[in-house]
Amino acid sequence: MKKLIALIMAVILCASVFAACGEKQKTVPKGLPSDSVNKDDDTETIKQFVVCDRMGIKITTKNIGYSEAGGKLTHKALYLEVKNGYSKDIEVGITKSSVNNYMIPSDSTVKVESGKTKEFAVSFDVTKLNNSEITTFAVLEFVVSVKDNETGDVIFETKPVKLRTSAADGFEYENDQTGTVAYNGNRIRIVVQEIYYDEFSGQCVNVLVMNYGRKNISLSLKDCKLNGKKVEPIYCSDVLAGKKDVSPIAFDEDFEGERIEEFSTSFSIVDSDTGKTIVKKTKPVTVKFDNEE
């Protein structure tokens, strides 16, 4: 069951967006952010901006606030206003999204009937925000996708949108980049980081990918071993040009309860737009973890 949930999570992440061997690293538990916040908490602000005004559909940024679930304010979100002057009901969402240059997907969508106006909260993947150590929204980048609500056909997608919030000026973008370097070439750097604990997938290993090139890339794993045993873990990382990504490697439930002491793997890198291979298989990297908590 855990494997199925982890697989579903990996597929969702892929759809939204797209060294020293033997070095010891420490096991670090990752807790999710609080599931509720104080409505008086300060947050960033943005200027109202017309994202698109096309085919009778006008989408405008409103503010940064908090999404609401079950009557509680939960996690930080971008609020958009959608005016639908189009002849059909539409569904609006975002894709290819990043926060502070880190790939952070969102599955938020809203249905807007023809002739109606709605405001909705675009919330971002909380686990990805947490693993990327993002608490402040400085720069948001995304593409807005507008679909026919009945057929699911794409009516149009906007050009990439870049929003700078009130926190952008002087903001320090660099987060934790420590770990074992698995690959450094073709303007791509891959770092295997710490273990963290996910309530659905159990023990996971974070991988940081920094794409300094001009191509959008997708990564997969090759020849993986966990504690000396061959495994087929679940991993997906799609990184736009100039962006970074922190994504987990999740393991089969057969390893539930077994401590991860050593993990080895190679990576395959392809151009996500053309499917052409950039790196067929990197040199194997082995990481040993210190499980002391």
Protein backbone atom coordinates (compact mmCIF):
# COMPACT_ATOMS: atom_id res chain seq x y z
CA MET A 1 0.00 0.00 0.00
CA LYS A 2 2.81 2.39 0.87
CA LYS A 3 4.50 1.62 -2.43
CA LEU A 4 1.30 2.44 -4.31
CA ILE A 5 0.85 5.75 -2.49
CA ALA A 6 4.48 6.68 -3.10
CA LEU A 7 4.12 5.81 -6.78
CA ILE A 8 1.01 7.98 -7.10
CA MET A 9 2.86 10.86 -5.42
CA ALA A 10 5.79 10.47 -7.80
CA VAL A 11 3.52 10.45 -10.86
CA ILE A 12 1.77 13.61 -9.66
CA LEU A 13 5.09 15.37 -9.14
CA CYS A 14 6.29 14.39 -12.64
CA ALA A 15 3.07 15.58 -14.25
CA SER A 16 3.21 18.95 -12.51
CA VAL A 17 6.38 20.10 -13.82
CA PHE A 18 7.91 18.73 -15.30
CA ALA A 19 31.91 13.13 -5.02
CA ALA A 20 32.89 11.05 -2.60
CA CYS A 21 31.81 7.47 -2.31
CA GLY A 22 31.41 6.19 1.21
CA GLU A 23 30.94 9.65 2.68
CA LYS A 24 28.81 9.48 5.82
CA GLN A 25 25.70 11.55 6.17
CA LYS A 26 23.35 12.02 9.03
CA THR A 27 19.78 10.80 9.21
CA VAL A 28 17.47 13.77 9.67
CA PRO A 29 13.77 13.45 10.43
CA LYS A 30 11.64 15.86 8.41
CA GLY A 31 8.46 17.12 10.00
CA LEU A 32 5.71 18.70 7.95
CA PRO A 33 4.85 22.33 8.63
CA SER A 34 2.02 22.98 11.06
CA ASP A 35 -1.39 22.07 9.67
CA SER A 36 -2.82 25.38 10.84
CA VAL A 37 -1.56 28.94 11.13
CA ASN A 38 -2.51 32.13 12.88
CA LYS A 39 -4.54 34.42 10.62
CA ASP A 40 -2.58 37.38 12.02
CA ASP A 41 0.77 35.95 10.86
CA ASP A 42 2.64 38.30 8.54
CA THR A 43 3.08 37.17 4.98
CA GLU A 44 4.53 38.54 1.79
CA THR A 45 2.61 40.89 -0.48
CA ILE A 46 2.43 41.24 -4.26
CA LYS A 47 1.20 43.93 -6.61
CA GLN A 48 -1.95 43.11 -8.56
CA PHE A 49 -0.92 41.97 -12.03
CA VAL A 50 -2.92 40.84 -15.04
CA VAL A 51 -1.54 37.40 -15.88
CA CYS A 52 -3.62 37.11 -19.04
CA ASP A 53 -6.55 38.77 -20.79
CA ARG A 54 -7.42 36.51 -23.68
CA MET A 55 -10.54 35.07 -25.35
CA GLY A 56 -12.68 36.81 -22.75
CA ILE A 57 -10.77 35.19 -19.88
CA LYS A 58 -8.99 37.58 -17.50
CA ILE A 59 -6.75 36.27 -14.71
CA THR A 60 -5.30 38.64 -12.14
CA THR A 61 -3.02 38.10 -9.15
CA LYS A 62 -4.60 39.27 -5.89
CA ASN A 63 -2.35 38.57 -2.92
CA ILE A 64 -0.33 36.04 -0.92
CA GLY A 65 -2.39 34.51 1.84
CA TYR A 66 -3.25 31.16 3.37
CA SER A 67 -5.40 28.42 1.93
CA GLU A 68 -8.31 27.13 4.01
CA ALA A 69 -9.39 23.57 4.74
CA GLY A 70 -11.96 22.35 7.24
CA GLY A 71 -12.48 25.88 8.51
CA LYS A 72 -8.76 26.27 9.30
CA LEU A 73 -6.14 28.38 7.62
CA THR A 74 -3.47 25.96 6.48
CA HIS A 75 -0.59 26.76 4.14
CA LYS A 76 0.70 29.78 2.29
CA ALA A 77 -0.89 30.28 -1.14
CA LEU A 78 -1.09 32.60 -4.12
CA TYR A 79 -4.58 34.01 -4.73
CA LEU A 80 -5.78 34.55 -8.29
CA GLU A 81 -9.00 36.07 -9.60
CA VAL A 82 -10.51 34.50 -12.73
CA LYS A 83 -13.15 36.32 -14.80
CA ASN A 84 -14.68 34.00 -17.37
CA GLY A 85 -16.18 35.83 -20.32
CA TYR A 86 -15.63 32.81 -22.54
CA SER A 87 -18.59 30.89 -23.99
CA LYS A 88 -17.85 27.73 -21.98
CA ASP A 89 -17.16 26.72 -18.39
CA ILE A 90 -13.41 26.52 -17.75
CA GLU A 91 -10.94 24.91 -15.37
CA VAL A 92 -7.89 26.93 -14.41
CA GLY A 93 -4.69 25.64 -12.82
CA ILE A 94 -0.94 26.19 -12.99
CA THR A 95 1.96 24.08 -14.24
CA LYS A 96 5.77 24.31 -14.49
CA SER A 97 5.76 26.10 -11.15
CA SER A 98 8.72 27.08 -9.00
CA VAL A 99 9.19 28.99 -5.74
CA ASN A 100 12.49 30.77 -5.12
CA ASN A 101 13.99 28.88 -8.11
CA TYR A 102 13.02 25.46 -6.67
CA MET A 103 10.57 23.25 -8.56
CA ILE A 104 7.42 23.16 -6.40
CA PRO A 105 4.30 21.72 -8.06
CA SER A 106 0.71 22.69 -7.42
CA ASP A 107 -2.41 20.64 -8.12
CA SER A 108 -4.83 23.47 -7.27
CA THR A 109 -7.55 24.06 -9.85
CA VAL A 110 -10.81 25.98 -10.00
CA LYS A 111 -13.93 25.61 -12.12
CA VAL A 112 -15.38 28.92 -13.32
CA GLU A 113 -18.73 28.93 -15.06
CA SER A 114 -19.21 31.06 -18.18
CA GLY A 115 -20.01 34.65 -17.18
CA LYS A 116 -18.81 34.17 -13.58
CA THR A 117 -15.86 35.44 -11.54
CA LYS A 118 -14.04 33.43 -8.89
CA GLU A 119 -11.05 33.92 -6.63
CA PHE A 120 -9.06 30.83 -5.70
CA ALA A 121 -5.99 29.84 -3.73
CA VAL A 122 -3.06 28.27 -5.56
CA SER A 123 -1.38 26.17 -2.87
CA PHE A 124 1.95 24.44 -3.42
CA ASP A 125 3.19 20.97 -2.48
CA VAL A 126 3.83 21.22 1.27
CA THR A 127 6.33 18.37 1.48
CA LYS A 128 8.38 19.83 -1.38
CA LEU A 129 8.34 23.26 0.26
CA ASN A 130 9.49 21.72 3.51
CA ASN A 131 12.25 19.60 1.96
CA SER A 132 13.45 22.63 -0.01
CA GLU A 133 13.43 24.64 3.25
CA ILE A 134 11.14 27.30 1.82
CA THR A 135 9.06 29.33 4.27
CA THR A 136 9.15 32.68 2.45
CA PHE A 137 7.77 33.28 -1.03
CA ALA A 138 10.20 35.65 -2.77
CA VAL A 139 9.82 34.76 -6.46
CA LEU A 140 7.01 32.67 -7.96
CA GLU A 141 7.16 31.37 -11.54
CA PHE A 142 4.51 29.35 -13.34
CA VAL A 143 2.41 28.83 -16.45
CA VAL A 144 -1.38 29.16 -16.23
CA SER A 145 -3.34 26.43 -17.98
CA VAL A 146 -6.94 27.03 -19.04
CA LYS A 147 -9.03 23.99 -20.02
CA ASP A 148 -12.53 23.30 -21.23
CA ASN A 149 -14.19 22.06 -18.04
CA GLU A 150 -16.38 19.53 -19.90
CA THR A 151 -13.85 17.94 -22.27
CA GLY A 152 -10.56 18.65 -20.47
CA ASP A 153 -9.09 20.04 -23.70
CA VAL A 154 -6.52 22.81 -23.27
CA ILE A 155 -7.92 26.13 -24.48
CA PHE A 156 -4.60 27.92 -23.98
CA GLU A 157 -1.56 28.17 -21.75
CA THR A 158 0.07 31.47 -20.87
CA LYS A 159 3.69 32.35 -21.38
CA PRO A 160 5.79 31.81 -18.21
CA VAL A 161 4.78 34.25 -15.47
CA LYS A 162 7.30 35.59 -12.96
CA LEU A 163 6.09 37.33 -9.79
CA ARG A 164 8.36 39.09 -7.31
CA THR A 165 6.91 39.54 -3.84
CA SER A 166 7.73 42.14 -1.21
CA ALA A 167 10.36 39.72 0.15
CA ALA A 168 12.31 39.46 -3.13
CA ASP A 169 14.76 42.33 -2.71
CA GLY A 170 17.85 41.13 -0.87
CA PHE A 171 16.40 37.67 -0.30
CA GLU A 172 18.96 34.87 0.21
CA TYR A 173 18.07 32.14 -2.26
CA GLU A 174 20.67 29.50 -1.44
CA ASN A 175 19.38 26.67 0.73
CA ASP A 176 21.16 23.55 1.97
CA GLN A 177 23.33 22.06 -0.77
CA THR A 178 25.38 19.69 1.38
CA GLY A 179 25.61 15.97 0.70
CA THR A 180 27.43 13.52 -1.54
CA VAL A 181 27.96 14.74 -5.10
CA ALA A 182 26.70 12.04 -7.47
CA TYR A 183 27.28 13.95 -10.71
CA ASN A 184 28.72 17.28 -11.81
CA GLY A 185 28.81 17.91 -15.55
CA ASN A 186 26.85 19.33 -18.50
CA ARG A 187 25.95 22.24 -16.19
CA ILE A 188 24.03 19.79 -13.99
CA ARG A 189 24.90 18.98 -10.38
CA ILE A 190 23.29 16.11 -8.45
CA VAL A 191 23.69 15.78 -4.68
CA VAL A 192 22.41 12.87 -2.58
CA GLN A 193 21.34 14.39 0.74
CA GLU A 194 19.86 13.16 4.01
CA ILE A 195 17.28 10.53 4.90
CA TYR A 196 13.93 11.83 6.04
CA TYR A 197 10.77 10.12 7.24
CA ASP A 198 7.51 10.44 5.33
CA GLU A 199 4.24 9.34 6.91
CA PHE A 200 3.15 7.61 3.68
CA SER A 201 6.42 6.30 2.21
CA GLY A 202 8.54 5.67 5.32
CA GLN A 203 12.29 6.25 4.94
CA CYS A 204 13.20 8.36 1.91
CA VAL A 205 16.46 9.78 0.59
CA ASN A 206 16.43 13.34 -0.69
CA VAL A 207 18.22 14.19 -3.94
CA LEU A 208 19.05 17.79 -4.85
CA VAL A 209 19.35 18.55 -8.57
CA MET A 210 20.72 21.89 -9.79
CA ASN A 211 20.14 22.54 -13.48
CA TYR A 212 22.36 25.43 -14.59
CA GLY A 213 21.93 24.63 -18.28
CA ARG A 214 19.47 25.77 -20.92
CA LYS A 215 17.64 22.47 -21.33
CA ASN A 216 14.72 21.13 -19.30
CA ILE A 217 15.73 17.77 -17.88
CA SER A 218 14.28 14.58 -16.40
CA LEU A 219 16.16 12.20 -14.12
CA SER A 220 15.72 8.52 -13.34
CA LEU A 221 17.73 5.93 -11.40
CA LYS A 222 19.84 2.99 -12.57
CA ASP A 223 21.33 -0.04 -10.73
CA CYS A 224 20.13 0.85 -7.23
CA LYS A 225 21.18 -1.01 -4.11
CA LEU A 226 19.91 -0.51 -0.59
CA ASN A 227 22.02 -2.04 2.18
CA GLY A 228 23.66 -4.18 -0.52
CA LYS A 229 20.37 -5.48 -1.99
CA LYS A 230 19.12 -4.62 -5.45
CA VAL A 231 16.00 -2.44 -5.32
CA GLU A 232 13.73 -0.57 -7.70
CA PRO A 233 12.92 2.60 -5.80
CA ILE A 234 10.40 5.23 -6.86
CA TYR A 235 11.95 8.49 -7.99
CA CYS A 236 11.00 11.30 -10.33
CA SER A 237 12.69 14.65 -10.91
CA ASP A 238 11.82 17.09 -13.70
CA VAL A 239 13.86 20.28 -13.56
CA LEU A 240 13.38 23.28 -15.80
CA ALA A 241 16.40 25.13 -17.17
CA GLY A 242 17.98 27.32 -14.50
CA LYS A 243 16.01 25.71 -11.65
CA LYS A 244 16.66 23.37 -8.73
CA ASP A 245 14.70 20.46 -7.35
CA VAL A 246 14.65 18.44 -4.15
CA SER A 247 12.80 15.15 -4.66
CA PRO A 248 12.70 11.97 -2.57
CA ILE A 249 13.72 8.45 -3.42
CA ALA A 250 11.07 6.16 -1.90
CA PHE A 251 11.58 2.44 -1.30
CA ASP A 252 9.53 -0.74 -1.47
CA GLU A 253 7.53 -1.68 1.63
CA ASP A 254 9.68 -4.83 1.87
CA PHE A 255 12.25 -2.60 3.58
CA GLU A 256 9.81 -1.28 6.16
CA GLY A 257 11.49 -1.27 9.56
CA GLU A 258 14.96 -1.80 8.09
CA ARG A 259 17.38 1.06 8.66
CA ILE A 260 18.98 2.56 5.57
CA GLU A 261 22.69 2.33 6.20
CA GLU A 262 24.05 2.37 2.66
CA PHE A 263 22.58 3.35 -0.68
CA SER A 264 24.17 3.25 -4.13
CA THR A 265 22.84 4.31 -7.50
CA SER A 266 23.54 5.82 -10.90
CA PHE A 267 21.44 8.46 -12.65
CA SER A 268 20.12 8.76 -16.18
CA ILE A 269 19.47 12.26 -17.54
CA VAL A 270 17.37 13.10 -20.61
CA ASP A 271 16.15 16.27 -22.30
CA SER A 272 12.52 16.34 -21.17
CA ASP A 273 11.40 18.26 -24.28
CA THR A 274 13.03 16.09 -26.95
CA GLY A 275 13.59 12.81 -25.09
CA LYS A 276 17.23 12.82 -26.18
CA THR A 277 19.76 11.32 -23.76
CA ILE A 278 22.10 13.78 -22.07
CA VAL A 279 23.79 11.25 -19.77
CA LYS A 280 22.99 7.57 -20.29
CA LYS A 281 24.36 6.51 -16.93
CA THR A 282 26.44 8.39 -14.40
CA LYS A 283 29.23 6.72 -12.45
CA PRO A 284 27.84 4.83 -9.44
CA VAL A 285 27.79 6.73 -6.18
CA THR A 286 27.60 5.09 -2.74
CA VAL A 287 26.38 6.96 0.31
CA LYS A 288 26.66 5.69 3.88
CA PHE A 289 24.27 7.13 6.41
CA ASP A 290 24.74 7.75 10.11
CA ASN A 291 21.50 6.59 11.69
CA GLU A 292 22.08 8.19 15.05
CA GLU A 293 19.20 10.53 15.80
